[in-house]
Amino acid sequence: MPTPFFSVIIPTYNRAGFIADTLRSVLAQTFTAFEIIVVDDGSKDNTANVVRQLPDPRLHYYAKANGERGLARNYGLARAQGEYALFLDSDDLLHPTHLATLHEAIQAQNQPNFIATKFDFNRNGQRSASDLAPLPAGRYGLDFFLSGNALACNICVRRQNPELKRFEEDRTFAAVEDWMFMLENTQHDSVYLVDAVTLTMNDHDGRSMRADNQGLIRRWLKLTDWVNTHVRLTTAQNRQLQGHIYYLCAIHAYADSNRTQAIGFLRRAWPRLPLRKALPLAGRILAGPQLIGRLKGLRG
């Protein structure tokens, strides 16, 4: 089999109910020079059997002990043969032209080290745009990622980049490693964003960013020390990053019905955020869910 241009790396853990559709979406690509590397990170369901039901010489299955996604992605990257590697969650779907769109843009942009397309969300059959939707095509660097990782895991990397930093493998950062990866890798580089929606993320209730609000808060607060060690920031950049961390913590504390905790994070975020971001957050938290519910009822 010829050397693939793309290696599609799919870490998975107990996603037997989703992964078949994910794999079919990759196998249906119009650009066919790819391999799929499924890294089963210690699943306890029948993921292995589901994968075996899709025989294709481009599909490689590896089972390993559970180590969380950062380690699983690095495990897949170490076994990849493609010129470019892209990371796909095992509950998301590529559109048929995803790889073709990336390949065309890679050639047009003279083989960038990092490239991505846009994505949308599917929530119970309802499609909605992501925060990437209004952004123009172009390069986005560290300053962009100080306010979060709008790309999520949707990133394609050139494997032979000698400066490529791998994913953080400390499992206490699980669900935050995507953002850490982008912060570390855009210190001296940038991501080329293609203005095309070619991936759909399945926004189901079991998704990692919905599953554990307090766990996410603990990881974001721990992120500060990691950044101080791995990323060199100016005072202004550090202020921007801290503001966004407290902003995220406030949102997830509020989502966890812990209004007192949310107000505490709001106070820490307020002096570090632009007003256009701080005011809506303050209004929502201070008003509380009951008042917001009444206002929505009056509008209805």
Protein backbone atom coordinates (compact mmCIF):
# COMPACT_ATOMS: atom_id res chain seq x y z
CA MET A 1 0.00 0.00 0.00
CA PRO A 2 1.45 3.44 -0.93
CA THR A 3 2.50 5.83 1.83
CA PRO A 4 -0.57 7.81 2.96
CA PHE A 5 -0.63 11.59 2.85
CA PHE A 6 -2.85 11.80 5.95
CA SER A 7 -2.89 9.79 9.16
CA VAL A 8 -6.27 10.15 10.90
CA ILE A 9 -5.65 9.45 14.59
CA ILE A 10 -8.74 8.50 16.60
CA PRO A 11 -8.33 7.91 20.34
CA THR A 12 -11.34 6.21 21.86
CA TYR A 13 -12.65 5.07 25.21
CA ASN A 14 -16.01 3.30 25.56
CA ARG A 15 -17.45 4.84 22.41
CA ALA A 16 -18.74 1.64 20.78
CA GLY A 17 -22.06 3.36 20.12
CA PHE A 18 -20.44 6.19 18.16
CA ILE A 19 -17.20 5.02 16.58
CA ALA A 20 -18.67 3.07 13.67
CA ASP A 21 -20.26 6.23 12.24
CA THR A 22 -17.02 8.15 12.86
CA LEU A 23 -14.98 5.54 10.98
CA ARG A 24 -17.47 5.40 8.10
CA SER A 25 -17.19 9.17 7.74
CA VAL A 26 -13.42 8.81 7.28
CA LEU A 27 -13.68 5.85 4.91
CA ALA A 28 -16.11 7.89 2.76
CA GLN A 29 -13.54 10.62 2.03
CA THR A 30 -13.18 11.75 -1.60
CA PHE A 31 -9.41 12.06 -1.01
CA THR A 32 -8.29 8.47 -0.47
CA ALA A 33 -4.56 8.64 0.37
CA PHE A 34 -4.99 8.19 4.10
CA GLU A 35 -4.67 5.72 6.94
CA ILE A 36 -6.77 5.50 10.10
CA ILE A 37 -5.15 4.80 13.45
CA VAL A 38 -7.64 3.88 16.16
CA VAL A 39 -6.09 3.95 19.62
CA ASP A 40 -8.38 2.09 22.00
CA ASP A 41 -7.49 3.61 25.37
CA GLY A 42 -8.59 0.73 27.55
CA SER A 43 -12.25 0.50 26.53
CA LYS A 44 -14.42 -1.85 28.56
CA ASP A 45 -17.21 -2.08 25.96
CA ASN A 46 -17.22 -3.84 22.57
CA THR A 47 -15.27 -1.16 20.69
CA ALA A 48 -12.82 -3.75 19.32
CA ASN A 49 -15.64 -5.78 17.76
CA VAL A 50 -17.23 -2.69 16.23
CA VAL A 51 -13.93 -1.68 14.60
CA ARG A 52 -13.32 -5.21 13.26
CA GLN A 53 -16.67 -5.07 11.45
CA LEU A 54 -15.22 -2.40 9.16
CA PRO A 55 -12.38 -4.25 7.42
CA ASP A 56 -10.21 -1.92 5.35
CA PRO A 57 -6.44 -2.15 4.80
CA ARG A 58 -6.12 1.53 5.71
CA LEU A 59 -7.65 0.98 9.16
CA HIS A 60 -5.25 0.06 11.99
CA TYR A 61 -6.47 -0.77 15.49
CA TYR A 62 -4.27 -0.55 18.59
CA ALA A 63 -5.44 -1.47 22.08
CA LYS A 64 -3.56 -0.13 25.10
CA ALA A 65 -4.03 0.42 28.82
CA ASN A 66 -6.00 3.52 29.72
CA GLY A 67 -3.87 6.65 29.87
CA GLU A 68 -6.26 9.41 28.75
CA ARG A 69 -6.39 11.24 25.40
CA GLY A 70 -3.08 13.09 25.51
CA LEU A 71 -1.14 9.85 25.80
CA ALA A 72 -3.43 8.09 23.30
CA ARG A 73 -2.91 10.82 20.69
CA ASN A 74 0.86 10.71 21.13
CA TYR A 75 0.72 6.91 20.87
CA GLY A 76 -1.08 7.21 17.54
CA LEU A 77 1.23 9.96 16.31
CA ALA A 78 4.28 7.76 17.01
CA ARG A 79 2.81 5.09 14.71
CA ALA A 80 1.61 7.41 11.95
CA GLN A 81 3.07 7.19 8.44
CA GLY A 82 1.33 10.13 6.78
CA GLU A 83 2.96 13.41 5.89
CA TYR A 84 0.23 15.09 7.93
CA ALA A 85 -1.59 13.78 10.99
CA LEU A 86 -4.99 14.92 12.13
CA PHE A 87 -6.81 14.16 15.35
CA LEU A 88 -10.46 13.16 15.41
CA ASP A 89 -12.62 12.32 18.40
CA SER A 90 -14.41 9.00 18.14
CA ASP A 91 -17.89 10.56 18.34
CA ASP A 92 -17.44 13.20 15.60
CA LEU A 93 -17.95 13.08 11.85
CA LEU A 94 -15.87 14.20 8.89
CA HIS A 95 -17.73 15.53 5.88
CA PRO A 96 -16.76 13.68 2.65
CA THR A 97 -14.53 16.55 1.44
CA HIS A 98 -12.63 17.14 4.70
CA LEU A 99 -9.33 15.61 3.60
CA ALA A 100 -9.62 16.96 0.05
CA THR A 101 -10.17 20.47 1.42
CA LEU A 102 -7.17 20.16 3.72
CA HIS A 103 -4.96 18.75 0.95
CA GLU A 104 -5.81 21.58 -1.43
CA ALA A 105 -5.13 24.21 1.24
CA ILE A 106 -1.86 22.55 2.29
CA GLN A 107 -0.56 22.81 -1.26
CA ALA A 108 -1.80 26.39 -1.67
CA GLN A 109 -0.23 27.50 1.63
CA ASN A 110 3.15 25.85 0.97
CA GLN A 111 2.80 23.09 3.57
CA PRO A 112 2.09 24.88 6.85
CA ASN A 113 2.98 23.12 10.09
CA PHE A 114 -0.57 23.51 11.43
CA ILE A 115 -3.83 23.74 9.51
CA ALA A 116 -7.53 23.34 10.28
CA THR A 117 -10.95 23.73 8.75
CA LYS A 118 -14.09 24.93 10.51
CA PHE A 119 -16.68 22.72 12.18
CA ASP A 120 -20.26 22.88 13.36
CA PHE A 121 -22.22 21.13 16.13
CA ASN A 122 -24.99 18.56 16.08
CA ARG A 123 -27.12 18.67 19.24
CA ASN A 124 -29.97 16.13 19.10
CA GLY A 125 -30.27 16.54 15.34
CA GLN A 126 -30.08 20.34 15.40
CA ARG A 127 -27.04 21.82 13.66
CA SER A 128 -25.43 25.02 14.93
CA ALA A 129 -22.32 27.00 14.04
CA SER A 130 -19.16 27.09 16.14
CA ASP A 131 -17.25 30.19 17.25
CA LEU A 132 -15.08 29.76 14.15
CA ALA A 133 -17.95 30.57 11.79
CA PRO A 134 -17.35 34.34 11.40
CA LEU A 135 -13.55 34.16 11.23
CA PRO A 136 -11.87 34.79 7.86
CA ALA A 137 -9.36 32.37 6.42
CA GLY A 138 -5.84 33.11 7.54
CA ARG A 139 -3.18 32.48 10.15
CA TYR A 140 -3.92 32.53 13.87
CA GLY A 141 -1.18 32.52 16.50
CA LEU A 142 -0.67 32.55 20.24
CA ASP A 143 -2.71 35.70 20.97
CA PHE A 144 -5.75 34.04 19.41
CA PHE A 145 -5.42 30.95 21.63
CA LEU A 146 -4.99 32.94 24.84
CA SER A 147 -8.78 33.28 24.81
CA GLY A 148 -9.41 29.56 24.54
CA ASN A 149 -9.10 26.88 21.90
CA ALA A 150 -11.88 27.49 19.40
CA LEU A 151 -10.47 24.64 17.27
CA ALA A 152 -11.10 22.00 19.98
CA CYS A 153 -9.32 18.86 18.70
CA ASN A 154 -9.78 19.83 15.06
CA ILE A 155 -6.12 20.28 14.12
CA CYS A 156 -3.93 18.83 11.37
CA VAL A 157 -0.15 18.88 11.87
CA ARG A 158 2.89 18.30 9.66
CA ARG A 159 4.63 15.31 11.22
CA GLN A 160 8.18 16.26 10.20
CA ASN A 161 8.05 19.62 11.97
CA PRO A 162 11.10 19.44 14.29
CA GLU A 163 9.51 21.97 16.66
CA LEU A 164 6.27 20.02 17.10
CA LYS A 165 5.34 19.66 20.77
CA ARG A 166 3.38 16.57 21.71
CA PHE A 167 0.21 16.47 23.81
CA GLU A 168 0.48 16.74 27.58
CA GLU A 169 0.22 13.20 28.99
CA ASP A 170 -0.53 14.04 32.62
CA ARG A 171 -4.05 12.65 32.98
CA THR A 172 -4.97 15.29 35.56
CA PHE A 173 -5.21 17.68 32.58
CA ALA A 174 -7.66 15.44 30.69
CA ALA A 175 -10.09 17.47 28.51
CA VAL A 176 -7.74 20.49 28.60
CA GLU A 177 -4.81 18.97 26.68
CA ASP A 178 -6.09 20.29 23.33
CA TRP A 179 -5.80 23.89 24.53
CA MET A 180 -2.38 23.22 26.09
CA PHE A 181 -1.21 21.73 22.78
CA MET A 182 -2.22 24.87 20.88
CA LEU A 183 -0.70 27.27 23.43
CA GLU A 184 2.65 25.49 23.36
CA ASN A 185 2.78 25.04 19.59
CA THR A 186 1.78 28.58 18.61
CA GLN A 187 4.49 30.35 20.62
CA HIS A 188 6.62 30.56 17.47
CA ASP A 189 4.17 29.40 14.80
CA SER A 190 0.56 29.77 13.69
CA VAL A 191 -2.41 27.75 12.45
CA TYR A 192 -3.80 28.34 8.97
CA LEU A 193 -7.61 28.30 9.18
CA VAL A 194 -9.47 27.26 6.03
CA ASP A 195 -12.84 28.97 5.53
CA ALA A 196 -14.83 25.77 5.03
CA VAL A 197 -17.00 23.71 7.40
CA THR A 198 -15.95 20.09 6.88
CA LEU A 199 -16.46 18.46 10.30
CA THR A 200 -19.42 18.05 12.65
CA MET A 201 -18.96 17.61 16.38
CA ASN A 202 -21.53 15.50 18.18
CA ASP A 203 -22.59 17.63 21.16
CA HIS A 204 -24.11 14.82 23.23
CA ASP A 205 -24.52 14.79 27.01
CA GLY A 206 -21.59 12.43 27.55
CA ARG A 207 -19.08 14.67 25.80
CA SER A 208 -16.06 15.43 28.02
CA MET A 209 -16.65 19.20 28.10
CA ARG A 210 -20.15 18.62 29.48
CA ALA A 211 -19.51 15.78 31.88
CA ASP A 212 -17.78 17.25 34.95
CA ASN A 213 -17.93 20.98 35.65
CA GLN A 214 -15.96 20.89 38.90
CA GLY A 215 -13.31 18.65 37.35
CA LEU A 216 -12.86 21.11 34.50
CA ILE A 217 -12.56 24.01 36.96
CA ARG A 218 -9.79 22.20 38.83
CA ARG A 219 -7.89 21.55 35.59
CA TRP A 220 -8.19 25.13 34.37
CA LEU A 221 -6.92 26.49 37.67
CA LYS A 222 -3.98 24.07 37.51
CA LEU A 223 -3.24 25.25 33.98
CA THR A 224 -1.62 28.46 35.27
CA ASP A 225 1.42 26.69 36.69
CA TRP A 226 1.81 24.57 33.56
CA VAL A 227 1.76 27.65 31.32
CA ASN A 228 4.41 29.36 33.44
CA THR A 229 6.69 26.38 32.76
CA HIS A 230 5.91 25.68 29.09
CA VAL A 231 4.82 28.97 27.47
CA ARG A 232 6.59 32.33 27.57
CA LEU A 233 4.02 35.12 27.91
CA THR A 234 4.25 38.86 28.29
CA THR A 235 2.49 40.48 31.25
CA ALA A 236 -0.40 41.51 28.99
CA GLN A 237 -0.68 38.02 27.49
CA ASN A 238 -0.67 36.42 30.94
CA ARG A 239 -3.44 38.80 32.05
CA GLN A 240 -5.53 37.85 29.00
CA LEU A 241 -5.03 34.14 29.64
CA GLN A 242 -5.89 34.42 33.34
CA GLY A 243 -9.01 36.40 32.50
CA HIS A 244 -10.21 33.66 30.17
CA ILE A 245 -9.43 30.91 32.68
CA TYR A 246 -11.54 32.63 35.36
CA TYR A 247 -14.22 33.33 32.74
CA LEU A 248 -14.45 29.60 31.94
CA CYS A 249 -14.47 28.70 35.62
CA ALA A 250 -17.33 31.14 36.26
CA ILE A 251 -19.39 29.70 33.41
CA HIS A 252 -18.96 26.11 34.56
CA ALA A 253 -19.57 26.96 38.23
CA TYR A 254 -22.82 28.63 37.12
CA ALA A 255 -23.69 25.58 34.99
CA ASP A 256 -23.08 23.48 38.11
CA SER A 257 -25.68 25.61 39.99
CA ASN A 258 -22.93 26.93 42.28
CA ARG A 259 -23.76 30.63 42.06
CA THR A 260 -21.52 31.66 44.98
CA GLN A 261 -18.53 30.01 43.34
CA ALA A 262 -19.45 31.57 40.00
CA ILE A 263 -19.56 35.06 41.55
CA GLY A 264 -16.12 34.47 43.08
CA PHE A 265 -14.65 33.61 39.68
CA LEU A 266 -16.49 36.55 38.10
CA ARG A 267 -14.73 38.91 40.54
CA ARG A 268 -11.35 37.46 39.57
CA ALA A 269 -12.15 37.56 35.84
CA TRP A 270 -13.68 41.06 35.76
CA PRO A 271 -10.48 43.20 35.81
CA ARG A 272 -8.83 40.95 33.23
CA LEU A 273 -11.64 40.81 30.65
CA PRO A 274 -12.81 43.30 28.02
CA LEU A 275 -16.22 44.76 28.90
CA ARG A 276 -17.89 43.15 25.87
CA LYS A 277 -17.06 39.78 27.46
CA ALA A 278 -17.34 40.68 31.15
CA LEU A 279 -20.75 42.40 31.10
CA PRO A 280 -22.80 39.51 29.64
CA LEU A 281 -21.11 37.09 32.05
CA ALA A 282 -21.89 39.34 35.03
CA GLY A 283 -25.48 39.86 33.92
CA ARG A 284 -26.14 36.15 33.63
CA ILE A 285 -24.52 35.18 36.93
CA LEU A 286 -25.88 38.05 39.01
CA ALA A 287 -29.39 37.75 37.62
CA GLY A 288 -29.51 34.03 38.31
CA PRO A 289 -31.37 31.31 36.42
CA GLN A 290 -34.82 32.07 37.91
CA LEU A 291 -34.86 35.70 36.75
CA ILE A 292 -33.52 34.74 33.35
CA GLY A 293 -36.23 32.10 33.09
CA ARG A 294 -38.92 34.68 33.91
CA LEU A 295 -37.57 37.10 31.32
CA LYS A 296 -37.57 34.38 28.68
CA GLY A 297 -41.14 33.56 29.64
CA LEU A 298 -42.20 37.19 29.23
CA ARG A 299 -40.61 37.30 25.78
CA GLY A 300 -42.40 34.11 24.81
